[in-house]
Amino acid sequence: MQRFLTILALVFGLTSVVLAQRSITGSITDSAGEGLIGASILVQGTSTGTVTDFDGNFSLSVPEGGKNLLISYTGFSTQTVPVTAASTYDIVLSEGVQLSDVVVTALGISRDEK
């Protein structure tokens, strides 16, 4: 009887852990509608995250208490998206700061004395 109760408690405990997370999917695109490969999606305040695939799609298990998603990609502004009851998110990132000038320097050049 003791063994049965232990197993029953273990099953209920594992079920509550699994149900505490929910799965969300979505896509990350730029303003032209092109999928962004390798965009980073992170649940704010946790170490849970993922990156997008070749088409800009992602799938992520959000732990209980996850309120915001942080989306970042090189060359684009970081965006914070609130986690709602929706299970699918289509996110469009806007372009960030663009470089206008580039300076090239050289170090370690030695000259021969003449």
Protein backbone atom coordinates (compact mmCIF):
# COMPACT_ATOMS: atom_id res chain seq x y z
CA MET A 1 0.00 0.00 0.00
CA GLN A 2 2.85 2.38 0.86
CA ARG A 3 4.50 1.69 -2.48
CA PHE A 4 1.23 2.38 -4.34
CA LEU A 5 0.82 5.75 -2.61
CA THR A 6 4.42 6.70 -3.43
CA ILE A 7 3.94 5.89 -7.11
CA LEU A 8 0.64 7.78 -7.18
CA ALA A 9 2.26 10.87 -5.62
CA LEU A 10 5.10 10.68 -8.17
CA VAL A 11 2.66 10.50 -11.10
CA PHE A 12 0.69 13.51 -9.85
CA GLY A 13 3.91 15.45 -9.25
CA LEU A 14 5.22 14.81 -12.77
CA THR A 15 1.84 15.66 -14.29
CA SER A 16 1.79 19.04 -12.55
CA VAL A 17 5.31 19.84 -13.83
CA VAL A 18 4.34 18.98 -17.40
CA LEU A 19 1.10 20.96 -17.22
CA ALA A 20 2.90 24.00 -15.79
CA GLN A 21 4.54 24.58 -19.18
CA ARG A 22 2.77 25.46 -22.39
CA SER A 23 4.04 25.30 -25.92
CA ILE A 24 3.93 28.27 -28.28
CA THR A 25 4.92 28.52 -31.93
CA GLY A 26 5.34 31.38 -34.35
CA SER A 27 7.45 33.13 -36.93
CA ILE A 28 9.84 36.09 -36.94
CA THR A 29 9.99 38.21 -40.11
CA ASP A 30 11.41 41.53 -41.24
CA SER A 31 9.32 44.40 -42.64
CA ALA A 32 9.45 42.84 -46.13
CA GLY A 33 7.97 39.57 -44.86
CA GLU A 34 11.19 37.53 -45.16
CA GLY A 35 11.81 34.99 -42.38
CA LEU A 36 14.81 35.77 -40.17
CA ILE A 37 17.14 32.79 -39.79
CA GLY A 38 18.65 32.40 -36.32
CA ALA A 39 16.66 35.10 -34.50
CA SER A 40 16.87 34.60 -30.73
CA ILE A 41 13.72 34.14 -28.62
CA LEU A 42 14.17 34.15 -24.83
CA VAL A 43 11.59 33.96 -22.04
CA GLN A 44 12.38 37.05 -19.95
CA GLY A 45 13.74 36.25 -16.49
CA THR A 46 14.60 32.63 -17.35
CA SER A 47 17.24 30.73 -19.27
CA THR A 48 14.58 29.18 -21.55
CA GLY A 49 14.92 30.13 -25.19
CA THR A 50 15.33 29.04 -28.78
CA VAL A 51 16.31 30.29 -32.24
CA THR A 52 14.37 30.38 -35.49
CA ASP A 53 14.84 27.86 -38.30
CA PHE A 54 15.54 28.54 -42.00
CA ASP A 55 12.03 29.89 -42.58
CA GLY A 56 11.97 32.08 -39.44
CA ASN A 57 9.71 29.66 -37.52
CA PHE A 58 10.13 28.71 -33.86
CA SER A 59 8.62 26.48 -31.16
CA LEU A 60 9.13 27.09 -27.46
CA SER A 61 7.90 25.68 -24.14
CA VAL A 62 7.13 28.63 -21.86
CA PRO A 63 7.43 27.83 -18.14
CA GLU A 64 4.71 28.90 -15.72
CA GLY A 65 5.20 32.55 -14.80
CA GLY A 66 6.79 33.46 -18.15
CA LYS A 67 5.28 36.85 -18.96
CA ASN A 68 7.39 38.26 -21.83
CA LEU A 69 9.42 37.06 -24.81
CA LEU A 70 12.59 38.93 -25.77
CA ILE A 71 13.28 38.72 -29.50
CA SER A 72 16.64 39.86 -30.87
CA TYR A 73 18.48 39.64 -34.16
CA THR A 74 21.64 41.33 -35.41
CA GLY A 75 20.84 44.59 -37.19
CA PHE A 76 17.29 44.76 -35.80
CA SER A 77 15.82 46.39 -32.69
CA THR A 78 15.21 44.07 -29.74
CA GLN A 79 11.48 43.60 -29.17
CA THR A 80 9.57 42.54 -26.06
CA VAL A 81 6.33 40.63 -26.69
CA PRO A 82 3.92 39.79 -23.85
CA VAL A 83 2.92 36.14 -23.50
CA THR A 84 -0.86 35.94 -23.79
CA ALA A 85 -3.36 33.10 -24.13
CA ALA A 86 -2.46 32.80 -27.83
CA SER A 87 -0.46 29.77 -28.93
CA THR A 88 0.80 31.26 -32.22
CA TYR A 89 2.80 34.47 -32.59
CA ASP A 90 3.71 36.27 -35.84
CA ILE A 91 6.32 38.90 -34.98
CA VAL A 92 7.74 41.55 -37.33
CA LEU A 93 11.08 43.07 -36.29
CA SER A 94 12.02 46.60 -37.33
CA GLU A 95 15.50 47.50 -38.50
CA GLY A 96 17.79 48.93 -35.83
CA VAL A 97 20.72 51.32 -36.01
CA GLN A 98 22.46 51.31 -39.38
CA LEU A 99 26.17 52.08 -39.73
CA SER A 100 26.95 54.91 -42.12
CA ASP A 101 30.75 55.15 -41.84
CA VAL A 102 33.45 52.56 -41.44
CA VAL A 103 36.99 53.34 -40.27
CA VAL A 104 39.78 50.88 -41.08
CA THR A 105 43.01 51.05 -39.10
CA ALA A 106 46.21 49.06 -39.31
CA LEU A 107 48.29 47.97 -36.35
CA GLY A 108 51.75 46.51 -36.22
CA ILE A 109 53.09 48.00 -39.50
CA SER A 110 56.86 48.25 -39.44
CA ARG A 111 58.91 50.24 -41.92
CA ASP A 112 62.43 49.60 -43.14
CA GLU A 113 64.99 52.34 -42.45
CA LYS A 114 66.68 53.63 -45.58
